[in-house]
Amino acid sequence: MNAKELWKLEYQNEIDRAFAARLLGNEGMARVCARRAAGIVVEEYLKRRGFANQTHSAYDHLSIFTNFPNIDQKHKKIVGHFLLRVDKNHKLPSDIDLINEAIWLEKSLLDNTN
């Protein structure tokens, strides 16, 4: 695999880890892995648009994306879900599934551009 495709492997590994954690009942770890997967997707999206970033932090990539010009509101809203903090019971709102949202981000931002 060449370096240009490395993001795909890293992304898929995080999605696989997220599903495995969920199967084991570890929703916290599932969220962490989904956030990493989304960060990988957003980092690749930004790279393809010429944004050279010096950080490897998924959180930083997601934060930068929400302030990047010409991003539609739906993408900003979904990426914003990855930046939310859990409540006192360690939960996100029930309508948010970070694994499925990370998969949607990959398909909507990168799937057609490989």
PDB file of N, CA and C in Angstrom:
ATOM      1  N   MET A   1       0.852  -1.177   0.000  1.00  0.00           N
ATOM      2  CA  MET A   1       0.000   0.000   0.000  1.00  0.00           C
ATOM      3  C   MET A   1       0.898   1.241   0.000  1.00  0.00           C
ATOM      4  N   ASN A   2       0.568   2.177  -0.849  1.00  0.00           N
ATOM      5  CA  ASN A   2       1.373   3.397  -0.897  1.00  0.00           C
ATOM      6  C   ASN A   2       0.898   4.407   0.148  1.00  0.00           C
ATOM      7  N   ALA A   3       1.714   5.398   0.376  1.00  0.00           N
ATOM      8  CA  ALA A   3       1.423   6.396   1.416  1.00  0.00           C
ATOM      9  C   ALA A   3       0.123   7.134   1.141  1.00  0.00           C
ATOM     10  N   LYS A   4      -0.214   7.296  -0.121  1.00  0.00           N
ATOM     11  CA  LYS A   4      -1.437   8.012  -0.483  1.00  0.00           C
ATOM     12  C   LYS A   4      -2.687   7.286   0.014  1.00  0.00           C
ATOM     13  N   GLU A   5      -2.593   5.972   0.145  1.00  0.00           N
ATOM     14  CA  GLU A   5      -3.741   5.174   0.583  1.00  0.00           C
ATOM     15  C   GLU A   5      -3.682   4.777   2.055  1.00  0.00           C
ATOM     16  N   LEU A   6      -2.646   5.188   2.758  1.00  0.00           N
ATOM     17  CA  LEU A   6      -2.482   4.813   4.159  1.00  0.00           C
ATOM     18  C   LEU A   6      -3.653   5.271   5.016  1.00  0.00           C
ATOM     19  N   TRP A   7      -4.209   6.429   4.723  1.00  0.00           N
ATOM     20  CA  TRP A   7      -5.337   6.940   5.501  1.00  0.00           C
ATOM     21  C   TRP A   7      -6.492   5.944   5.498  1.00  0.00           C
ATOM     22  N   LYS A   8      -6.709   5.249   4.362  1.00  0.00           N
ATOM     23  CA  LYS A   8      -7.820   4.291   4.269  1.00  0.00           C
ATOM     24  C   LYS A   8      -7.649   3.156   5.269  1.00  0.00           C
ATOM     25  N   LEU A   9      -6.429   2.639   5.362  1.00  0.00           N
ATOM     26  CA  LEU A   9      -6.143   1.559   6.293  1.00  0.00           C
ATOM     27  C   LEU A   9      -6.314   2.029   7.734  1.00  0.00           C
ATOM     28  N   GLU A  10      -5.778   3.191   8.047  1.00  0.00           N
ATOM     29  CA  GLU A  10      -5.904   3.733   9.405  1.00  0.00           C
ATOM     30  C   GLU A  10      -7.365   3.975   9.761  1.00  0.00           C
ATOM     31  N   TYR A  11      -8.109   4.550   8.819  1.00  0.00           N
ATOM     32  CA  TYR A  11      -9.535   4.806   9.031  1.00  0.00           C
ATOM     33  C   TYR A  11     -10.275   3.487   9.298  1.00  0.00           C
ATOM     34  N   GLN A  12     -10.074   2.496   8.425  1.00  0.00           N
ATOM     35  CA  GLN A  12     -10.784   1.231   8.564  1.00  0.00           C
ATOM     36  C   GLN A  12     -10.421   0.532   9.868  1.00  0.00           C
ATOM     37  N   ASN A  13      -9.162   0.602  10.271  1.00  0.00           N
ATOM     38  CA  ASN A  13      -8.754   0.011  11.552  1.00  0.00           C
ATOM     39  C   ASN A  13      -9.519   0.637  12.710  1.00  0.00           C
ATOM     40  N   GLU A  14      -9.674   1.951  12.699  1.00  0.00           N
ATOM     41  CA  GLU A  14     -10.404   2.629  13.780  1.00  0.00           C
ATOM     42  C   GLU A  14     -11.892   2.273  13.762  1.00  0.00           C
ATOM     43  N   ILE A  15     -12.480   2.182  12.576  1.00  0.00           N
ATOM     44  CA  ILE A  15     -13.896   1.788  12.481  1.00  0.00           C
ATOM     45  C   ILE A  15     -14.067   0.363  13.003  1.00  0.00           C
ATOM     46  N   ASP A  16     -13.170  -0.527  12.612  1.00  0.00           N
ATOM     47  CA  ASP A  16     -13.232  -1.916  13.105  1.00  0.00           C
ATOM     48  C   ASP A  16     -13.101  -1.962  14.626  1.00  0.00           C
ATOM     49  N   ARG A  17     -12.178  -1.170  15.172  1.00  0.00           N
ATOM     50  CA  ARG A  17     -12.007  -1.115  16.635  1.00  0.00           C
ATOM     51  C   ARG A  17     -13.262  -0.561  17.312  1.00  0.00           C
ATOM     52  N   ALA A  18     -13.881   0.421  16.676  1.00  0.00           N
ATOM     53  CA  ALA A  18     -15.095   1.017  17.241  1.00  0.00           C
ATOM     54  C   ALA A  18     -16.211  -0.017  17.327  1.00  0.00           C
ATOM     55  N   PHE A  19     -16.423  -0.758  16.244  1.00  0.00           N
ATOM     56  CA  PHE A  19     -17.460  -1.793  16.263  1.00  0.00           C
ATOM     57  C   PHE A  19     -17.130  -2.885  17.276  1.00  0.00           C
ATOM     58  N   ALA A  20     -15.869  -3.275  17.369  1.00  0.00           N
ATOM     59  CA  ALA A  20     -15.474  -4.305  18.336  1.00  0.00           C
ATOM     60  C   ALA A  20     -15.720  -3.830  19.764  1.00  0.00           C
ATOM     61  N   ALA A  21     -15.375  -2.585  20.048  1.00  0.00           N
ATOM     62  CA  ALA A  21     -15.607  -2.045  21.394  1.00  0.00           C
ATOM     63  C   ALA A  21     -17.096  -2.020  21.712  1.00  0.00           C
ATOM     64  N   ARG A  22     -17.905  -1.632  20.738  1.00  0.00           N
ATOM     65  CA  ARG A  22     -19.355  -1.605  20.964  1.00  0.00           C
ATOM     66  C   ARG A  22     -19.876  -3.001  21.250  1.00  0.00           C
ATOM     67  N   LEU A  23     -19.401  -3.981  20.505  1.00  0.00           N
ATOM     68  CA  LEU A  23     -19.833  -5.367  20.733  1.00  0.00           C
ATOM     69  C   LEU A  23     -19.489  -5.847  22.141  1.00  0.00           C
ATOM     70  N   LEU A  24     -18.387  -5.328  22.669  1.00  0.00           N
ATOM     71  CA  LEU A  24     -17.968  -5.694  24.025  1.00  0.00           C
ATOM     72  C   LEU A  24     -18.643  -4.839  25.100  1.00  0.00           C
ATOM     73  N   GLY A  25     -19.515  -3.931  24.667  1.00  0.00           N
ATOM     74  CA  GLY A  25     -20.217  -3.077  25.617  1.00  0.00           C
ATOM     75  C   GLY A  25     -19.420  -1.879  26.089  1.00  0.00           C
ATOM     76  N   ASN A  26     -18.332  -1.564  25.409  1.00  0.00           N
ATOM     77  CA  ASN A  26     -17.483  -0.438  25.803  1.00  0.00           C
ATOM     78  C   ASN A  26     -17.765   0.746  24.878  1.00  0.00           C
ATOM     79  N   GLU A  27     -18.875   1.405  25.126  1.00  0.00           N
ATOM     80  CA  GLU A  27     -19.302   2.510  24.264  1.00  0.00           C
ATOM     81  C   GLU A  27     -18.339   3.692  24.321  1.00  0.00           C
ATOM     82  N   GLY A  28     -17.693   3.900  25.449  1.00  0.00           N
ATOM     83  CA  GLY A  28     -16.706   4.969  25.552  1.00  0.00           C
ATOM     84  C   GLY A  28     -15.559   4.768  24.577  1.00  0.00           C
ATOM     85  N   MET A  29     -15.031   3.554  24.527  1.00  0.00           N
ATOM     86  CA  MET A  29     -13.952   3.257  23.586  1.00  0.00           C
ATOM     87  C   MET A  29     -14.463   3.313  22.148  1.00  0.00           C
ATOM     88  N   ALA A  30     -15.695   2.895  21.924  1.00  0.00           N
ATOM     89  CA  ALA A  30     -16.277   2.979  20.574  1.00  0.00           C
ATOM     90  C   ALA A  30     -16.300   4.429  20.106  1.00  0.00           C
ATOM     91  N   ARG A  31     -16.660   5.341  21.014  1.00  0.00           N
ATOM     92  CA  ARG A  31     -16.676   6.772  20.662  1.00  0.00           C
ATOM     93  C   ARG A  31     -15.273   7.289  20.372  1.00  0.00           C
ATOM     94  N   VAL A  32     -14.303   6.872  21.174  1.00  0.00           N
ATOM     95  CA  VAL A  32     -12.915   7.299  20.967  1.00  0.00           C
ATOM     96  C   VAL A  32     -12.438   6.851  19.583  1.00  0.00           C
ATOM     97  N   CYS A  33     -12.676   5.601  19.242  1.00  0.00           N
ATOM     98  CA  CYS A  33     -12.239   5.073  17.946  1.00  0.00           C
ATOM     99  C   CYS A  33     -12.966   5.758  16.796  1.00  0.00           C
ATOM    100  N   ALA A  34     -14.256   6.005  16.962  1.00  0.00           N
ATOM    101  CA  ALA A  34     -15.017   6.708  15.919  1.00  0.00           C
ATOM    102  C   ALA A  34     -14.486   8.123  15.739  1.00  0.00           C
ATOM    103  N   ARG A  35     -14.141   8.777  16.835  1.00  0.00           N
ATOM    104  CA  ARG A  35     -13.569  10.137  16.759  1.00  0.00           C
ATOM    105  C   ARG A  35     -12.227  10.108  16.018  1.00  0.00           C
ATOM    106  N   ARG A  36     -11.409   9.111  16.316  1.00  0.00           N
ATOM    107  CA  ARG A  36     -10.134   8.988  15.594  1.00  0.00           C
ATOM    108  C   ARG A  36     -10.384   8.766  14.103  1.00  0.00           C
ATOM    109  N   ALA A  37     -11.345   7.896  13.773  1.00  0.00           N
ATOM    110  CA  ALA A  37     -11.664   7.631  12.367  1.00  0.00           C
ATOM    111  C   ALA A  37     -12.122   8.909  11.671  1.00  0.00           C
ATOM    112  N   ALA A  38     -12.981   9.669  12.319  1.00  0.00           N
ATOM    113  CA  ALA A  38     -13.443  10.934  11.742  1.00  0.00           C
ATOM    114  C   ALA A  38     -12.283  11.908  11.585  1.00  0.00           C
ATOM    115  N   GLY A  39     -11.382  11.936  12.551  1.00  0.00           N
ATOM    116  CA  GLY A  39     -10.212  12.801  12.457  1.00  0.00           C
ATOM    117  C   GLY A  39      -9.332  12.439  11.275  1.00  0.00           C
ATOM    118  N   ILE A  40      -9.186  11.159  11.002  1.00  0.00           N
ATOM    119  CA  ILE A  40      -8.399  10.695   9.851  1.00  0.00           C
ATOM    120  C   ILE A  40      -9.047  11.160   8.554  1.00  0.00           C
ATOM    121  N   VAL A  41     -10.361  11.018   8.463  1.00  0.00           N
ATOM    122  CA  VAL A  41     -11.092  11.450   7.267  1.00  0.00           C
ATOM    123  C   VAL A  41     -10.943  12.952   7.060  1.00  0.00           C
ATOM    124  N   VAL A  42     -11.152  13.709   8.113  1.00  0.00           N
ATOM    125  CA  VAL A  42     -11.073  15.165   8.001  1.00  0.00           C
ATOM    126  C   VAL A  42      -9.646  15.600   7.674  1.00  0.00           C
ATOM    127  N   GLU A  43      -8.652  14.958   8.277  1.00  0.00           N
ATOM    128  CA  GLU A  43      -7.261  15.291   7.965  1.00  0.00           C
ATOM    129  C   GLU A  43      -6.984  15.067   6.474  1.00  0.00           C
ATOM    130  N   GLU A  44      -7.443  13.944   5.942  1.00  0.00           N
ATOM    131  CA  GLU A  44      -7.233  13.650   4.520  1.00  0.00           C
ATOM    132  C   GLU A  44      -7.970  14.664   3.643  1.00  0.00           C
ATOM    133  N   TYR A  45      -9.183  15.004   4.026  1.00  0.00           N
ATOM    134  CA  TYR A  45      -9.952  16.012   3.285  1.00  0.00           C
ATOM    135  C   TYR A  45      -9.198  17.343   3.239  1.00  0.00           C
ATOM    136  N   LEU A  46      -8.692  17.774   4.388  1.00  0.00           N
ATOM    137  CA  LEU A  46      -7.960  19.039   4.450  1.00  0.00           C
ATOM    138  C   LEU A  46      -6.661  18.975   3.643  1.00  0.00           C
ATOM    139  N   LYS A  47      -5.956  17.859   3.704  1.00  0.00           N
ATOM    140  CA  LYS A  47      -4.720  17.697   2.925  1.00  0.00           C
ATOM    141  C   LYS A  47      -4.997  17.867   1.436  1.00  0.00           C
ATOM    142  N   ARG A  48      -6.084  17.272   0.989  1.00  0.00           N
ATOM    143  CA  ARG A  48      -6.423  17.339  -0.430  1.00  0.00           C
ATOM    144  C   ARG A  48      -6.779  18.751  -0.879  1.00  0.00           C
ATOM    145  N   ARG A  49      -7.044  19.601   0.070  1.00  0.00           N
ATOM    146  CA  ARG A  49      -7.354  20.994  -0.245  1.00  0.00           C
ATOM    147  C   ARG A  49      -6.175  21.914   0.070  1.00  0.00           C
ATOM    148  N   GLY A  50      -5.018  21.313   0.277  1.00  0.00           N
ATOM    149  CA  GLY A  50      -3.800  22.085   0.442  1.00  0.00           C
ATOM    150  C   GLY A  50      -3.539  22.604   1.835  1.00  0.00           C
ATOM    151  N   PHE A  51      -4.288  22.138   2.814  1.00  0.00           N
ATOM    152  CA  PHE A  51      -4.081  22.591   4.183  1.00  0.00           C
ATOM    153  C   PHE A  51      -3.028  21.708   4.842  1.00  0.00           C
ATOM    154  N   ALA A  52      -1.885  22.264   5.106  1.00  0.00           N
ATOM    155  CA  ALA A  52      -0.807  21.531   5.765  1.00  0.00           C
ATOM    156  C   ALA A  52      -0.910  21.754   7.264  1.00  0.00           C
ATOM    157  N   ASN A  53      -1.180  20.703   7.975  1.00  0.00           N
ATOM    158  CA  ASN A  53      -1.372  20.793   9.416  1.00  0.00           C
ATOM    159  C   ASN A  53      -0.203  20.122  10.127  1.00  0.00           C
ATOM    160  N   GLN A  54       0.208  20.679  11.211  1.00  0.00           N
ATOM    161  CA  GLN A  54       1.354  20.155  11.956  1.00  0.00           C
ATOM    162  C   GLN A  54       0.948  19.237  13.111  1.00  0.00           C
ATOM    163  N   THR A  55      -0.311  19.003  13.297  1.00  0.00           N
ATOM    164  CA  THR A  55      -0.770  18.199  14.424  1.00  0.00           C
ATOM    165  C   THR A  55      -1.250  16.834  13.960  1.00  0.00           C
ATOM    166  N   HIS A  56      -1.191  15.867  14.848  1.00  0.00           N
ATOM    167  CA  HIS A  56      -1.729  14.539  14.578  1.00  0.00           C
ATOM    168  C   HIS A  56      -2.978  14.291  15.417  1.00  0.00           C
ATOM    169  N   SER A  57      -3.469  15.320  16.063  1.00  0.00           N
ATOM    170  CA  SER A  57      -4.620  15.193  16.947  1.00  0.00           C
ATOM    171  C   SER A  57      -5.927  15.183  16.151  1.00  0.00           C
ATOM    172  N   ALA A  58      -6.705  14.121  16.331  1.00  0.00           N
ATOM    173  CA  ALA A  58      -8.013  14.043  15.680  1.00  0.00           C
ATOM    174  C   ALA A  58      -8.883  15.221  16.119  1.00  0.00           C
ATOM    175  N   TYR A  59      -8.829  15.538  17.397  1.00  0.00           N
ATOM    176  CA  TYR A  59      -9.634  16.648  17.915  1.00  0.00           C
ATOM    177  C   TYR A  59      -9.266  17.959  17.215  1.00  0.00           C
ATOM    178  N   ASP A  60      -7.977  18.196  17.029  1.00  0.00           N
ATOM    179  CA  ASP A  60      -7.540  19.417  16.338  1.00  0.00           C
ATOM    180  C   ASP A  60      -8.036  19.448  14.902  1.00  0.00           C
ATOM    181  N   HIS A  61      -7.934  18.326  14.190  1.00  0.00           N
ATOM    182  CA  HIS A  61      -8.410  18.279  12.807  1.00  0.00           C
ATOM    183  C   HIS A  61      -9.906  18.574  12.734  1.00  0.00           C
ATOM    184  N   LEU A  62     -10.657  17.988  13.642  1.00  0.00           N
ATOM    185  CA  LEU A  62     -12.104  18.200  13.658  1.00  0.00           C
ATOM    186  C   LEU A  62     -12.428  19.665  13.965  1.00  0.00           C
ATOM    187  N   SER A  63     -11.715  20.249  14.906  1.00  0.00           N
ATOM    188  CA  SER A  63     -11.930  21.662  15.248  1.00  0.00           C
ATOM    189  C   SER A  63     -11.610  22.571  14.074  1.00  0.00           C
ATOM    190  N   ILE A  64     -10.506  22.301  13.403  1.00  0.00           N
ATOM    191  CA  ILE A  64     -10.105  23.105  12.244  1.00  0.00           C
ATOM    192  C   ILE A  64     -11.163  23.002  11.149  1.00  0.00           C
ATOM    193  N   PHE A  65     -11.647  21.798  10.915  1.00  0.00           N
ATOM    194  CA  PHE A  65     -12.642  21.567   9.868  1.00  0.00           C
ATOM    195  C   PHE A  65     -13.886  22.424  10.068  1.00  0.00           C
ATOM    196  N   THR A  66     -14.338  22.526  11.304  1.00  0.00           N
ATOM    197  CA  THR A  66     -15.568  23.294  11.554  1.00  0.00           C
ATOM    198  C   THR A  66     -15.394  24.774  11.244  1.00  0.00           C
ATOM    199  N   ASN A  67     -14.156  25.249  11.166  1.00  0.00           N
ATOM    200  CA  ASN A  67     -13.878  26.646  10.840  1.00  0.00           C
ATOM    201  C   ASN A  67     -13.322  26.839   9.430  1.00  0.00           C
ATOM    202  N   PHE A  68     -13.227  25.742   8.681  1.00  0.00           N
ATOM    203  CA  PHE A  68     -12.685  25.805   7.330  1.00  0.00           C
ATOM    204  C   PHE A  68     -13.731  26.439   6.405  1.00  0.00           C
ATOM    205  N   PRO A  69     -13.297  27.305   5.471  1.00  0.00           N
ATOM    206  CA  PRO A  69     -14.264  27.968   4.579  1.00  0.00           C
ATOM    207  C   PRO A  69     -14.958  26.984   3.634  1.00  0.00           C
ATOM    208  N   ASN A  70     -16.153  27.333   3.253  1.00  0.00           N
ATOM    209  CA  ASN A  70     -16.943  26.597   2.255  1.00  0.00           C
ATOM    210  C   ASN A  70     -17.358  25.191   2.681  1.00  0.00           C
ATOM    211  N   ILE A  71     -17.489  24.954   3.957  1.00  0.00           N
ATOM    212  CA  ILE A  71     -18.001  23.678   4.464  1.00  0.00           C
ATOM    213  C   ILE A  71     -19.495  23.859   4.727  1.00  0.00           C
ATOM    214  N   ASP A  72     -20.306  22.942   4.189  1.00  0.00           N
ATOM    215  CA  ASP A  72     -21.746  23.095   4.386  1.00  0.00           C
ATOM    216  C   ASP A  72     -22.141  22.801   5.833  1.00  0.00           C
ATOM    217  N   GLN A  73     -23.298  23.285   6.198  1.00  0.00           N
ATOM    218  CA  GLN A  73     -23.759  23.198   7.584  1.00  0.00           C
ATOM    219  C   GLN A  73     -23.969  21.759   8.055  1.00  0.00           C
ATOM    220  N   LYS A  74     -24.401  20.870   7.166  1.00  0.00           N
ATOM    221  CA  LYS A  74     -24.606  19.475   7.582  1.00  0.00           C
ATOM    222  C   LYS A  74     -23.282  18.846   8.014  1.00  0.00           C
ATOM    223  N   HIS A  75     -22.232  19.076   7.233  1.00  0.00           N
ATOM    224  CA  HIS A  75     -20.925  18.528   7.603  1.00  0.00           C
ATOM    225  C   HIS A  75     -20.422  19.150   8.903  1.00  0.00           C
ATOM    226  N   LYS A  76     -20.594  20.451   9.045  1.00  0.00           N
ATOM    227  CA  LYS A  76     -20.169  21.111  10.286  1.00  0.00           C
ATOM    228  C   LYS A  76     -20.922  20.552  11.494  1.00  0.00           C
ATOM    229  N   LYS A  77     -22.216  20.313  11.317  1.00  0.00           N
ATOM    230  CA  LYS A  77     -23.030  19.784  12.420  1.00  0.00           C
ATOM    231  C   LYS A  77     -22.556  18.384  12.817  1.00  0.00           C
ATOM    232  N   ILE A  78     -22.357  17.527  11.821  1.00  0.00           N
ATOM    233  CA  ILE A  78     -21.910  16.157  12.113  1.00  0.00           C
ATOM    234  C   ILE A  78     -20.538  16.172  12.779  1.00  0.00           C
ATOM    235  N   VAL A  79     -19.613  16.942  12.240  1.00  0.00           N
ATOM    236  CA  VAL A  79     -18.280  17.017  12.840  1.00  0.00           C
ATOM    237  C   VAL A  79     -18.366  17.590  14.255  1.00  0.00           C
ATOM    238  N   GLY A  80     -19.285  18.507  14.470  1.00  0.00           N
ATOM    239  CA  GLY A  80     -19.492  19.047  15.805  1.00  0.00           C
ATOM    240  C   GLY A  80     -19.869  17.984  16.823  1.00  0.00           C
ATOM    241  N   HIS A  81     -20.544  16.932  16.382  1.00  0.00           N
ATOM    242  CA  HIS A  81     -20.901  15.836  17.293  1.00  0.00           C
ATOM    243  C   HIS A  81     -19.656  15.174  17.883  1.00  0.00           C
ATOM    244  N   PHE A  82     -18.580  15.110  17.100  1.00  0.00           N
ATOM    245  CA  PHE A  82     -17.344  14.486  17.576  1.00  0.00           C
ATOM    246  C   PHE A  82     -16.620  15.351  18.604  1.00  0.00           C
ATOM    247  N   LEU A  83     -17.014  16.614  18.680  1.00  0.00           N
ATOM    248  CA  LEU A  83     -16.390  17.548  19.621  1.00  0.00           C
ATOM    249  C   LEU A  83     -17.193  17.704  20.914  1.00  0.00           C
ATOM    250  N   LEU A  84     -18.371  17.083  20.957  1.00  0.00           N
ATOM    251  CA  LEU A  84     -19.220  17.163  22.153  1.00  0.00           C
ATOM    252  C   LEU A  84     -18.598  16.415  23.325  1.00  0.00           C
ATOM    253  N   ARG A  85     -18.883  16.906  24.498  1.00  0.00           N
ATOM    254  CA  ARG A  85     -18.489  16.204  25.718  1.00  0.00           C
ATOM    255  C   ARG A  85     -19.667  15.339  26.177  1.00  0.00           C
ATOM    256  N   VAL A  86     -19.350  14.235  26.791  1.00  0.00           N
ATOM    257  CA  VAL A  86     -20.393  13.376  27.337  1.00  0.00           C
ATOM    258  C   VAL A  86     -21.001  14.033  28.572  1.00  0.00           C
ATOM    259  N   ASP A  87     -22.206  13.606  28.924  1.00  0.00           N
ATOM    260  CA  ASP A  87     -22.856  14.144  30.112  1.00  0.00           C
ATOM    261  C   ASP A  87     -22.311  13.449  31.368  1.00  0.00           C
ATOM    262  N   LYS A  88     -22.890  13.739  32.517  1.00  0.00           N
ATOM    263  CA  LYS A  88     -22.388  13.176  33.775  1.00  0.00           C
ATOM    264  C   LYS A  88     -22.519  11.653  33.838  1.00  0.00           C
ATOM    265  N   ASN A  89     -23.376  11.087  32.978  1.00  0.00           N
ATOM    266  CA  ASN A  89     -23.535   9.633  32.896  1.00  0.00           C
ATOM    267  C   ASN A  89     -22.682   9.020  31.777  1.00  0.00           C
ATOM    268  N   HIS A  90     -21.781   9.820  31.243  1.00  0.00           N
ATOM    269  CA  HIS A  90     -20.870   9.388  30.178  1.00  0.00           C
ATOM    270  C   HIS A  90     -21.608   9.026  28.893  1.00  0.00           C
ATOM    271  N   LYS A  91     -22.655   9.792  28.586  1.00  0.00           N
ATOM    272  CA  LYS A  91     -23.478   9.542  27.399  1.00  0.00           C
ATOM    273  C   LYS A  91     -23.543  10.789  26.524  1.00  0.00           C
ATOM    274  N   LEU A  92     -23.740  10.549  25.236  1.00  0.00           N
ATOM    275  CA  LEU A  92     -24.079  11.603  24.290  1.00  0.00           C
ATOM    276  C   LEU A  92     -25.590  11.547  24.074  1.00  0.00           C
ATOM    277  N   PRO A  93     -26.178  12.571  23.474  1.00  0.00           N
ATOM    278  CA  PRO A  93     -27.608  12.464  23.156  1.00  0.00           C
ATOM    279  C   PRO A  93     -27.881  11.179  22.372  1.00  0.00           C
ATOM    280  N   SER A  94     -29.013  10.550  22.636  1.00  0.00           N
ATOM    281  CA  SER A  94     -29.306   9.219  22.088  1.00  0.00           C
ATOM    282  C   SER A  94     -29.399   9.182  20.565  1.00  0.00           C
ATOM    283  N   ASP A  95     -29.627  10.317  19.931  1.00  0.00           N
ATOM    284  CA  ASP A  95     -29.751  10.310  18.472  1.00  0.00           C
ATOM    285  C   ASP A  95     -28.400  10.421  17.764  1.00  0.00           C
ATOM    286  N   ILE A  96     -27.308  10.442  18.508  1.00  0.00           N
ATOM    287  CA  ILE A  96     -25.973  10.567  17.920  1.00  0.00           C
ATOM    288  C   ILE A  96     -25.258   9.219  17.988  1.00  0.00           C
ATOM    289  N   ASP A  97     -24.885   8.709  16.820  1.00  0.00           N
ATOM    290  CA  ASP A  97     -24.112   7.473  16.713  1.00  0.00           C
ATOM    291  C   ASP A  97     -22.821   7.829  15.994  1.00  0.00           C
ATOM    292  N   LEU A  98     -21.747   8.012  16.746  1.00  0.00           N
ATOM    293  CA  LEU A  98     -20.495   8.485  16.167  1.00  0.00           C
ATOM    294  C   LEU A  98     -19.887   7.511  15.166  1.00  0.00           C
ATOM    295  N   ILE A  99     -20.105   6.228  15.338  1.00  0.00           N
ATOM    296  CA  ILE A  99     -19.559   5.276  14.363  1.00  0.00           C
ATOM    297  C   ILE A  99     -20.219   5.496  13.007  1.00  0.00           C
ATOM    298  N   ASN A 100     -21.531   5.516  12.991  1.00  0.00           N
ATOM    299  CA  ASN A 100     -22.234   5.726  11.724  1.00  0.00           C
ATOM    300  C   ASN A 100     -21.933   7.095  11.136  1.00  0.00           C
ATOM    301  N   GLU A 101     -21.740   8.083  11.975  1.00  0.00           N
ATOM    302  CA  GLU A 101     -21.417   9.418  11.472  1.00  0.00           C
ATOM    303  C   GLU A 101     -20.009   9.462  10.880  1.00  0.00           C
ATOM    304  N   ALA A 102     -19.060   8.720  11.451  1.00  0.00           N
ATOM    305  CA  ALA A 102     -17.714   8.653  10.878  1.00  0.00           C
ATOM    306  C   ALA A 102     -17.757   7.982   9.505  1.00  0.00           C
ATOM    307  N   ILE A 103     -18.547   6.933   9.384  1.00  0.00           N
ATOM    308  CA  ILE A 103     -18.699   6.245   8.097  1.00  0.00           C
ATOM    309  C   ILE A 103     -19.331   7.191   7.078  1.00  0.00           C
ATOM    310  N   TRP A 104     -20.351   7.929   7.494  1.00  0.00           N
ATOM    311  CA  TRP A 104     -20.996   8.896   6.593  1.00  0.00           C
ATOM    312  C   TRP A 104     -20.006   9.961   6.141  1.00  0.00           C
ATOM    313  N   LEU A 105     -19.199  10.459   7.063  1.00  0.00           N
ATOM    314  CA  LEU A 105     -18.201  11.475   6.702  1.00  0.00           C
ATOM    315  C   LEU A 105     -17.235  10.950   5.634  1.00  0.00           C
ATOM    316  N   GLU A 106     -16.750   9.737   5.821  1.00  0.00           N
ATOM    317  CA  GLU A 106     -15.818   9.169   4.847  1.00  0.00           C
ATOM    318  C   GLU A 106     -16.468   9.084   3.474  1.00  0.00           C
ATOM    319  N   LYS A 107     -17.691   8.606   3.434  1.00  0.00           N
ATOM    320  CA  LYS A 107     -18.388   8.465   2.141  1.00  0.00           C
ATOM    321  C   LYS A 107     -18.704   9.833   1.526  1.00  0.00           C
ATOM    322  N   SER A 108     -19.132  10.772   2.328  1.00  0.00           N
ATOM    323  CA  SER A 108     -19.547  12.055   1.772  1.00  0.00           C
ATOM    324  C   SER A 108     -18.374  12.983   1.433  1.00  0.00           C
ATOM    325  N   LEU A 109     -17.264  12.839   2.158  1.00  0.00           N
ATOM    326  CA  LEU A 109     -16.125  13.730   1.901  1.00  0.00           C
ATOM    327  C   LEU A 109     -15.069  13.118   0.978  1.00  0.00           C
ATOM    328  N   LEU A 110     -14.875  11.808   1.032  1.00  0.00           N
ATOM    329  CA  LEU A 110     -13.728  11.208   0.337  1.00  0.00           C
ATOM    330  C   LEU A 110     -14.051  10.083  -0.621  1.00  0.00           C
ATOM    331  N   ASP A 111     -15.192   9.462  -0.489  1.00  0.00           N
ATOM    332  CA  ASP A 111     -15.486   8.242  -1.249  1.00  0.00           C
ATOM    333  C   ASP A 111     -15.365   8.445  -2.762  1.00  0.00           C
ATOM    334  N   ASN A 112     -15.775   9.592  -3.258  1.00  0.00           N
ATOM    335  CA  ASN A 112     -15.747   9.834  -4.702  1.00  0.00           C
ATOM    336  C   ASN A 112     -14.406  10.343  -5.199  1.00  0.00           C
ATOM    337  N   THR A 113     -13.507  10.667  -4.282  1.00  0.00           N
ATOM    338  CA  THR A 113     -12.232  11.248  -4.700  1.00  0.00           C
ATOM    339  C   THR A 113     -11.051  10.333  -4.459  1.00  0.00           C
ATOM    340  N   ASN A 114     -11.301   9.183  -3.811  1.00  0.00           N
ATOM    341  CA  ASN A 114     -10.237   8.223  -3.459  1.00  0.00           C
ATOM    342  C   ASN A 114      -9.044   8.955  -2.969  1.00  0.00           C
TER     343      ASN A 114
END
